[in-house]
Amino acid sequence: MRLFFGMIITVSFKTLMAKAKITKRTTIGQVVEKYPKAVFVFLDYGLHCIGCAISAKETIEQAAKVHRIDLKKFLKDLNKAAKG
């Protein structure tokens, strides 16, 4: 429980994870930081640049375009990994 502007808010980790949403504007760096299991999705798609300096600022959409990856499927797989 947290006190926020005089209101008590109860948020569980499970609730937050259920609402996890990776979008085309999310950066690779944000995904790797928030959802470590999603690293395996990047590797499965042949994206081994998850640790390079550029990936910290590169969006999922940019990565998909450069590597000719189906963006919809990629996002679906990333979000599945983020929730699992």
Protein backbone atom coordinates (compact mmCIF):
# COMPACT_ATOMS: atom_id res chain seq x y z
CA MET A 1 0.00 0.00 0.00
CA ARG A 2 1.12 3.50 -0.73
CA LEU A 3 -0.10 6.89 0.42
CA PHE A 4 -0.42 9.17 -2.59
CA PHE A 5 -1.89 12.65 -2.15
CA GLY A 6 -3.90 11.47 0.83
CA MET A 7 -5.29 8.40 -0.95
CA ILE A 8 -4.36 4.82 -0.19
CA ILE A 9 -3.48 2.93 -3.33
CA THR A 10 -2.93 -0.80 -3.36
CA VAL A 11 -1.05 -2.10 -6.38
CA SER A 12 0.36 -5.56 -6.65
CA PHE A 13 3.32 -6.52 -8.80
CA LYS A 14 1.11 -9.04 -10.60
CA THR A 15 -1.38 -6.29 -11.50
CA LEU A 16 1.35 -4.09 -12.88
CA MET A 17 2.78 -6.93 -14.97
CA ALA A 18 -0.67 -7.79 -16.34
CA LYS A 19 -0.85 -4.25 -17.70
CA ALA A 20 2.63 -4.41 -19.21
CA LYS A 21 2.54 -2.98 -22.69
CA ILE A 22 5.45 -2.72 -25.07
CA THR A 23 4.63 -0.47 -28.01
CA LYS A 24 6.40 0.44 -31.22
CA ARG A 25 7.66 3.59 -29.47
CA THR A 26 9.21 1.70 -26.56
CA THR A 27 13.00 1.63 -26.79
CA ILE A 28 15.00 -1.57 -26.74
CA GLY A 29 16.75 -0.24 -23.65
CA GLN A 30 13.44 0.18 -21.82
CA VAL A 31 12.33 -3.34 -22.74
CA VAL A 32 15.60 -4.92 -21.58
CA GLU A 33 15.52 -2.96 -18.31
CA LYS A 34 11.87 -3.62 -17.44
CA TYR A 35 11.40 -7.11 -18.91
CA PRO A 36 14.64 -9.13 -18.82
CA LYS A 37 12.88 -12.26 -20.15
CA ALA A 38 12.15 -10.38 -23.37
CA VAL A 39 15.87 -10.53 -24.21
CA PHE A 40 15.27 -14.05 -25.51
CA VAL A 41 12.71 -12.69 -28.01
CA PHE A 42 15.31 -10.29 -29.39
CA LEU A 43 17.77 -13.16 -29.74
CA ASP A 44 15.15 -15.38 -31.42
CA TYR A 45 14.60 -12.64 -34.01
CA GLY A 46 18.34 -12.36 -34.65
CA LEU A 47 18.72 -9.05 -32.83
CA HIS A 48 21.96 -9.47 -30.96
CA CYS A 49 22.43 -5.71 -30.50
CA ILE A 50 20.55 -5.54 -27.20
CA GLY A 51 23.65 -4.44 -25.35
CA CYS A 52 25.04 -1.92 -27.82
CA ALA A 53 24.91 1.82 -27.16
CA ILE A 54 22.48 2.58 -29.98
CA SER A 55 19.88 0.07 -28.80
CA ALA A 56 19.31 2.08 -25.63
CA LYS A 57 17.62 4.79 -27.73
CA GLU A 58 16.37 2.72 -30.69
CA THR A 59 12.62 2.05 -30.71
CA ILE A 60 11.05 -1.32 -31.40
CA GLU A 61 9.64 0.12 -34.60
CA GLN A 62 13.06 1.30 -35.79
CA ALA A 63 14.65 -2.06 -34.99
CA ALA A 64 11.90 -3.94 -36.84
CA LYS A 65 12.28 -1.71 -39.88
CA VAL A 66 16.07 -1.97 -40.05
CA HIS A 67 16.05 -5.74 -39.54
CA ARG A 68 12.98 -6.35 -41.74
CA ILE A 69 10.94 -7.88 -38.95
CA ASP A 70 7.13 -8.10 -38.92
CA LEU A 71 6.37 -5.38 -36.33
CA LYS A 72 2.98 -6.76 -35.25
CA LYS A 73 4.32 -10.26 -34.58
CA PHE A 74 7.44 -8.88 -32.90
CA LEU A 75 5.35 -6.73 -30.53
CA LYS A 76 3.04 -9.64 -29.79
CA ASP A 77 5.99 -11.87 -28.87
CA LEU A 78 7.66 -9.16 -26.77
CA ASN A 79 4.46 -8.47 -24.83
CA LYS A 80 3.91 -12.18 -24.28
CA ALA A 81 7.42 -12.47 -22.81
CA ALA A 82 6.87 -9.35 -20.68
CA LYS A 83 3.75 -10.85 -19.12
CA GLY A 84 5.20 -14.32 -18.68
